[in-house]
Amino acid sequence: LEQHACAGVVRKKLIAMAMSRVASRTCQLFSSRSALPRAAGLRAFSTSDLKRTLTYDEHVKEGGKLVDFAGYAMPVQYEKQGSIHALSIIDSTKWTRESASLFDVSHMCSIRWTGKDAIDFVERVTTADVRGLKAMTGTLSVILNEAGGIIDDTMVSKCHSKEHGEHVYQVINAGCAPKDLKHFEEQLGKFGGDVKMNVHWDDRGLFALQGPKAVQVLQRLSPATDLKSVAFGESLWMPVGGTDCLVTRCGYTGEDGFEIFVPGDSAVKVWQLLVGEPETRLAALGARDALRLEAGLCLYGHDLDEETTPSEAGLAWVVGKARRAPGAKPFIGSEKVLAQLADTSLYTRLRAGLKPLSGPPAREGADIETLDGQVVGKVTSGTMSPCLKEKISMGYIQKPHNKQGTDLQVVVRGKRYPAKVTKMPFVPTKYYKP
């Protein structure tokens, strides 16, 4: 998901401003504007009118540079002088790939679906094959409108707990949550079965511990738990420093890692325990956006929207096989989506990776052209990759120009630069399997 942020957030000016402290040797490799994703419309401001996560004071304590992110005061990076967590966004991205980084993603919205018809309802409003999931496993899915456009991307898990028995646990993007919840309320009114929506938002902590050493950190805080047997996408209830938490092996960085759902009264305690481990560094929105783009993951509102179908987005796999079978119960938008899955001629553009070969990074909104100047696409995300030290972009390109190896050009500030269509992810993913 983390797959996880919504329209109009991590882009343009503020992240570039936040790079002003990058070490001079790093600046020789990257300019502060070209190295990183820029944050659209973000600015320094008073946070008094914004929502705060349960660990807000911890961010302030570490010099978090706070921005308005989906209505929450969230750090874009940490700047406390002398702190081990005061990394540039480039260094924070690299640390995540090499060790373990801790992100506060508590702004995201969780929903627990209960009742004997909960699975049927969730399968109505998403493309997930929930019934086919094993207990305590999850999958990325999408919420669609009637035309097959993506309202939001979402994580859906089949869970079990002593208190609620079997239920469905779902996570949706913070910026999309108001419209998602309204959509669900409308669909509940039409559904009429035994299903209840329990929203958990600001009453719990949600922390993403990401990187190859994340498992060492979490194992140390829960020595009785066998994390070697937990595959990417699986969940379990486990004690973290004595607090019972719902933990899912997943993330939005392309690395191994965990998302940890923590009861509200223990959120700060668990956060401090995770921060206190020697492998851990705090990370924030700036590094998170660079990491997900290197991993070829979508950001809602930029790479996904209500005019884009799963097939166009390269997400056909989120439509479970059982949902495509003859006679399967329809989901919202299924008529168009299933038609596109059966006949690829019904859509003419595809999300693709792109590497500009010279000039500045091609960022959101840049035209993609053939070598003779025909516009065949648009960039939706782009940056200078901190790990590859290369310019990377993704966007939607008309067929057949989307094929890997195709030579194209991008238009940046009125100038044309050569680019080549390339496979994604740009940086190999490291999702764990036992």
Foldseek 3Di string as FASTA:
>chain_A
DVLAAAAQFAAADPLLVLQPPADPVVCVLPRSRFFFGHHGPKDQDDQPQADEALCNVVCVVQQFRFTQGLRHTFGQAGCPPPDPQRHRLLVVLVLLAAFKEKEWPLLWKKKKKAWPCRQVLVVQQWLAPAVPDDEQFKDKIFGAAQQQAGLFIKIWHFYADPVGGTIIMMITYNNSVVVVVVVSVVVCVVPPHTMDIDMDGRQKTKMKMGYPHQCVLQCVQFVVDDCQQAFQRGWDFGAGVHFTWIKHFYDQQLTTIIITIGGRVCRNVSVVSSCPDPRYHYHTDTNSVLRNLLQVHDHHNQLGDNVDHCVQAVNLVSNDPQQLDPPHDDHRNRVNSSVCVVPVVVDFKHKFKKFFPDDGAQAFAKFKFAPVGHTFWTWRGWHQRSVVSTTMTITMGTPPCLDFQRWIWIADPRDITIMTTHHDSNDNGHGDDD
